[in-house]
């Protein structure tokens, strides 16, 4: 009878250890799944941010080009105004 009780206690301890290990494994798997989901979200964010950065760089280049063209046209307009004012000054002196 004692050996049966001892065996039952050992079996109970083994079942408890198995339940503990199973619980630990389930928590580990859940944490791993959560980590993988977070990593996937970070990868998605990285891809989205890369696309947004490329678009921002393209817009910046377009604005810089437009700015340079506007500066060139303003300089040409200023020169034309100076020529007209120079002619007017010459005509008023004459």
N, C-alpha and C. Protein backbone atom coordinates (compact mmCIF):
# COMPACT_ATOMS: atom_id res chain seq x y z
N UNK A 1 0.82 -1.19 0.00
CA UNK A 1 0.00 0.00 0.00
C UNK A 1 0.87 1.26 0.00
N UNK A 2 1.97 1.24 0.76
CA UNK A 2 2.86 2.40 0.81
C UNK A 2 3.49 2.67 -0.56
N UNK A 3 3.86 1.62 -1.25
CA UNK A 3 4.48 1.82 -2.55
C UNK A 3 3.47 2.37 -3.55
N UNK A 4 2.19 2.00 -3.39
CA UNK A 4 1.15 2.54 -4.26
C UNK A 4 0.96 4.03 -3.99
N UNK A 5 0.94 4.41 -2.70
CA UNK A 5 0.80 5.82 -2.35
C UNK A 5 2.01 6.62 -2.83
N UNK A 6 3.18 6.06 -2.69
CA UNK A 6 4.39 6.72 -3.15
C UNK A 6 4.35 6.90 -4.67
N UNK A 7 3.91 5.87 -5.37
CA UNK A 7 3.81 5.94 -6.83
C UNK A 7 2.78 6.98 -7.26
N UNK A 8 1.66 7.03 -6.53
CA UNK A 8 0.62 8.01 -6.85
C UNK A 8 1.13 9.44 -6.60
N UNK A 9 1.89 9.62 -5.52
CA UNK A 9 2.46 10.94 -5.25
C UNK A 9 3.46 11.33 -6.34
N UNK A 10 4.28 10.38 -6.75
CA UNK A 10 5.24 10.65 -7.81
C UNK A 10 4.52 10.96 -9.12
N UNK A 11 3.44 10.21 -9.39
CA UNK A 11 2.66 10.46 -10.59
C UNK A 11 2.02 11.85 -10.53
N UNK A 12 1.49 12.21 -9.36
CA UNK A 12 0.91 13.55 -9.17
C UNK A 12 1.94 14.63 -9.38
N UNK A 13 3.13 14.43 -8.86
CA UNK A 13 4.22 15.40 -9.03
C UNK A 13 4.62 15.50 -10.50
N UNK A 14 4.64 14.38 -11.17
CA UNK A 14 5.00 14.39 -12.59
C UNK A 14 3.93 15.11 -13.41
N UNK A 15 2.65 14.89 -13.07
CA UNK A 15 1.57 15.57 -13.76
C UNK A 15 1.65 17.08 -13.50
N UNK A 16 1.92 17.46 -12.25
CA UNK A 16 2.08 18.88 -11.92
C UNK A 16 3.24 19.51 -12.71
N UNK A 17 4.35 18.80 -12.79
CA UNK A 17 5.50 19.30 -13.54
C UNK A 17 5.16 19.42 -15.03
N UNK A 18 4.42 18.45 -15.55
CA UNK A 18 4.01 18.49 -16.94
C UNK A 18 3.06 19.67 -17.20
N UNK A 19 2.13 19.90 -16.29
CA UNK A 19 1.22 21.04 -16.43
C UNK A 19 1.99 22.36 -16.38
N UNK A 20 2.96 22.45 -15.47
CA UNK A 20 3.78 23.66 -15.36
C UNK A 20 4.56 23.89 -16.65
N UNK A 21 5.17 22.83 -17.18
CA UNK A 21 5.95 22.94 -18.40
C UNK A 21 5.05 23.31 -19.59
N UNK A 22 3.87 22.73 -19.62
CA UNK A 22 2.92 23.04 -20.70
C UNK A 22 2.49 24.50 -20.62
N UNK A 23 2.19 24.97 -19.43
CA UNK A 23 1.80 26.36 -19.24
C UNK A 23 2.94 27.31 -19.66
N UNK A 24 4.15 26.96 -19.25
CA UNK A 24 5.31 27.76 -19.62
C UNK A 24 5.48 27.79 -21.13
N UNK A 25 5.30 26.66 -21.78
CA UNK A 25 5.45 26.58 -23.23
C UNK A 25 4.37 27.42 -23.93
N UNK A 26 3.14 27.36 -23.43
CA UNK A 26 2.05 28.14 -24.03
C UNK A 26 2.36 29.63 -23.91
N UNK A 27 2.81 30.07 -22.72
CA UNK A 27 3.16 31.48 -22.54
C UNK A 27 4.31 31.89 -23.44
N UNK A 28 5.28 31.01 -23.58
CA UNK A 28 6.42 31.29 -24.46
C UNK A 28 5.95 31.42 -25.91
N UNK A 29 5.10 30.51 -26.34
CA UNK A 29 4.58 30.56 -27.72
C UNK A 29 3.76 31.83 -27.95
N UNK A 30 2.96 32.23 -26.96
CA UNK A 30 2.17 33.46 -27.09
C UNK A 30 3.08 34.67 -27.18
N UNK A 31 4.11 34.69 -26.34
CA UNK A 31 5.06 35.81 -26.37
C UNK A 31 5.79 35.85 -27.71
N UNK A 32 6.15 34.69 -28.22
CA UNK A 32 6.83 34.62 -29.52
C UNK A 32 5.91 35.12 -30.62
N UNK A 33 4.65 34.72 -30.58
CA UNK A 33 3.69 35.17 -31.60
C UNK A 33 3.53 36.69 -31.52
N UNK A 34 3.45 37.21 -30.30
CA UNK A 34 3.33 38.65 -30.12
C UNK A 34 4.57 39.36 -30.66
N UNK A 35 5.72 38.82 -30.38
CA UNK A 35 6.97 39.41 -30.87
C UNK A 35 7.01 39.38 -32.39
N UNK A 36 6.58 38.28 -32.98
CA UNK A 36 6.56 38.18 -34.44
C UNK A 36 5.56 39.17 -35.04
N UNK A 37 4.41 39.33 -34.39
CA UNK A 37 3.43 40.30 -34.87
C UNK A 37 3.98 41.72 -34.79
N UNK A 38 4.63 42.04 -33.68
CA UNK A 38 5.22 43.36 -33.52
C UNK A 38 6.32 43.60 -34.56
N UNK A 39 7.11 42.58 -34.84
CA UNK A 39 8.15 42.70 -35.85
C UNK A 39 7.54 42.94 -37.22
N UNK A 40 6.47 42.20 -37.53
CA UNK A 40 5.79 42.38 -38.82
C UNK A 40 5.22 43.79 -38.92
N UNK A 41 4.65 44.30 -37.83
CA UNK A 41 4.13 45.67 -37.84
C UNK A 41 5.25 46.68 -38.04
N UNK A 42 6.39 46.45 -37.40
CA UNK A 42 7.52 47.35 -37.56
C UNK A 42 8.04 47.32 -39.00
N UNK A 43 8.05 46.13 -39.61
CA UNK A 43 8.47 46.02 -41.00
C UNK A 43 7.50 46.78 -41.91
N UNK A 44 6.20 46.65 -41.64
CA UNK A 44 5.20 47.39 -42.42
C UNK A 44 5.40 48.89 -42.26
N UNK A 45 5.62 49.34 -41.02
CA UNK A 45 5.86 50.76 -40.76
C UNK A 45 7.11 51.24 -41.50
N UNK A 46 8.15 50.42 -41.47
CA UNK A 46 9.40 50.77 -42.15
C UNK A 46 9.16 50.92 -43.64
N UNK A 47 8.43 50.00 -44.22
CA UNK A 47 8.14 50.08 -45.66
C UNK A 47 7.32 51.32 -45.98
N UNK A 48 6.31 51.58 -45.17
CA UNK A 48 5.46 52.76 -45.39
C UNK A 48 6.28 54.04 -45.26
N UNK A 49 7.12 54.10 -44.25
CA UNK A 49 7.95 55.29 -44.05
C UNK A 49 8.96 55.46 -45.19
N UNK A 50 9.48 54.36 -45.71
CA UNK A 50 10.41 54.46 -46.84
C UNK A 50 9.70 55.03 -48.06
N UNK A 51 8.47 54.60 -48.30
CA UNK A 51 7.70 55.13 -49.43
C UNK A 51 7.41 56.61 -49.22
N UNK A 52 7.02 56.98 -47.99
CA UNK A 52 6.75 58.39 -47.69
C UNK A 52 8.02 59.24 -47.84
N UNK A 53 9.15 58.69 -47.41
CA UNK A 53 10.42 59.42 -47.53
C UNK A 53 10.77 59.62 -49.00
N UNK A 54 10.61 58.58 -49.80
CA UNK A 54 10.89 58.72 -51.23
C UNK A 54 10.00 59.80 -51.85
N UNK A 55 8.74 59.80 -51.49
CA UNK A 55 7.81 60.81 -52.02
C UNK A 55 8.23 62.21 -51.56
N UNK A 56 8.63 62.34 -50.30
CA UNK A 56 9.06 63.65 -49.78
C UNK A 56 10.32 64.12 -50.49
N UNK A 57 11.24 63.21 -50.74
CA UNK A 57 12.47 63.58 -51.46
C UNK A 57 12.12 64.03 -52.88
N UNK A 58 11.21 63.31 -53.53
CA UNK A 58 10.79 63.70 -54.88
C UNK A 58 10.14 65.08 -54.88
N UNK A 59 9.27 65.34 -53.88
CA UNK A 59 8.63 66.66 -53.78
C UNK A 59 9.67 67.74 -53.53
N UNK A 60 10.65 67.46 -52.70
CA UNK A 60 11.70 68.43 -52.40
C UNK A 60 12.49 68.76 -53.66
N UNK A 61 12.82 67.74 -54.42
CA UNK A 61 13.56 67.97 -55.67
C UNK A 61 12.72 68.81 -56.64
N UNK A 62 11.44 68.50 -56.74
CA UNK A 62 10.57 69.27 -57.63
C UNK A 62 10.47 70.71 -57.17
N UNK A 63 10.35 70.92 -55.86
CA UNK A 63 10.28 72.29 -55.34
C UNK A 63 11.59 73.04 -55.58
N UNK A 64 12.71 72.36 -55.39
CA UNK A 64 14.00 73.00 -55.63
C UNK A 64 14.13 73.39 -57.11
N UNK A 65 13.69 72.53 -58.00
CA UNK A 65 13.73 72.83 -59.42
C UNK A 65 12.82 74.01 -59.75
N UNK A 66 11.61 74.00 -59.20
CA UNK A 66 10.68 75.11 -59.42
C UNK A 66 11.23 76.40 -58.85
N UNK A 67 11.85 76.33 -57.70
CA UNK A 67 12.44 77.51 -57.07
C UNK A 67 13.56 78.08 -57.95
N UNK A 68 14.40 77.21 -58.48
CA UNK A 68 15.49 77.67 -59.34
C UNK A 68 14.92 78.32 -60.60
N UNK A 69 13.88 77.71 -61.19
CA UNK A 69 13.26 78.28 -62.38
C UNK A 69 12.62 79.64 -62.08
N UNK A 70 11.94 79.75 -60.94
CA UNK A 70 11.32 81.02 -60.55
C UNK A 70 12.39 82.09 -60.33
N UNK A 71 13.49 81.73 -59.69
CA UNK A 71 14.58 82.69 -59.46
C UNK A 71 15.15 83.16 -60.79
N UNK A 72 15.31 82.24 -61.72
CA UNK A 72 15.84 82.60 -63.05
C UNK A 72 14.89 83.57 -63.76
N UNK A 73 13.60 83.28 -63.71
CA UNK A 73 12.62 84.15 -64.37
C UNK A 73 12.54 85.52 -63.69
N UNK A 74 12.65 85.54 -62.36
CA UNK A 74 12.64 86.83 -61.65
C UNK A 74 13.86 87.66 -62.04
N UNK A 75 14.99 87.01 -62.17
CA UNK A 75 16.20 87.73 -62.56
C UNK A 75 16.04 88.30 -63.97
N UNK A 76 15.46 87.52 -64.87
CA UNK A 76 15.22 88.00 -66.23
C UNK A 76 14.24 89.17 -66.23
N UNK A 77 13.19 89.07 -65.42
CA UNK A 77 12.20 90.17 -65.33
C UNK A 77 12.85 91.42 -64.76
N UNK A 78 13.71 91.27 -63.75
CA UNK A 78 14.39 92.42 -63.16
C UNK A 78 15.29 93.08 -64.19
N UNK A 79 15.98 92.28 -64.99
CA UNK A 79 16.84 92.84 -66.04
C UNK A 79 15.99 93.58 -67.08
N UNK A 80 14.85 93.02 -67.45
CA UNK A 80 13.97 93.68 -68.43
C UNK A 80 13.45 95.00 -67.88
N UNK A 81 13.09 95.02 -66.62
CA UNK A 81 12.61 96.27 -65.99
C UNK A 81 13.72 97.30 -65.96
N UNK A 82 14.94 96.86 -65.63
CA UNK A 82 16.06 97.79 -65.61
C UNK A 82 16.31 98.37 -67.01
N UNK A 83 16.19 97.55 -68.04
CA UNK A 83 16.38 98.06 -69.41
C UNK A 83 15.31 99.08 -69.77
N UNK A 84 14.05 98.79 -69.41
CA UNK A 84 12.95 99.71 -69.70
C UNK A 84 13.16 101.02 -68.95
N UNK A 85 13.50 100.92 -67.67
CA UNK A 85 13.74 102.13 -66.88
C UNK A 85 14.93 102.92 -67.44
N UNK A 86 15.95 102.22 -67.91
CA UNK A 86 17.10 102.89 -68.52
C UNK A 86 16.69 103.64 -69.77
N UNK A 87 15.85 103.03 -70.60
CA UNK A 87 15.37 103.70 -71.81
C UNK A 87 14.50 104.91 -71.47
N UNK A 88 13.65 104.74 -70.46
CA UNK A 88 12.80 105.86 -70.05
C UNK A 88 13.64 107.03 -69.55
N UNK A 89 14.69 106.71 -68.80
CA UNK A 89 15.58 107.75 -68.29
C UNK A 89 16.29 108.45 -69.43
N UNK A 90 16.69 107.69 -70.44
CA UNK A 90 17.36 108.28 -71.59
C UNK A 90 16.39 109.16 -72.38
N UNK A 91 15.13 108.70 -72.55
CA UNK A 91 14.13 109.47 -73.28
C UNK A 91 13.77 110.75 -72.52
N UNK A 92 13.72 110.72 -71.22
CA UNK A 92 13.38 111.92 -70.46
C UNK A 92 14.52 112.92 -70.46
N UNK A 93 15.75 112.45 -70.59
CA UNK A 93 16.90 113.35 -70.67
C UNK A 93 16.98 114.01 -72.03
N UNK A 94 16.48 113.35 -73.01
CA UNK A 94 16.59 113.87 -74.37
C UNK A 94 15.49 114.82 -74.70
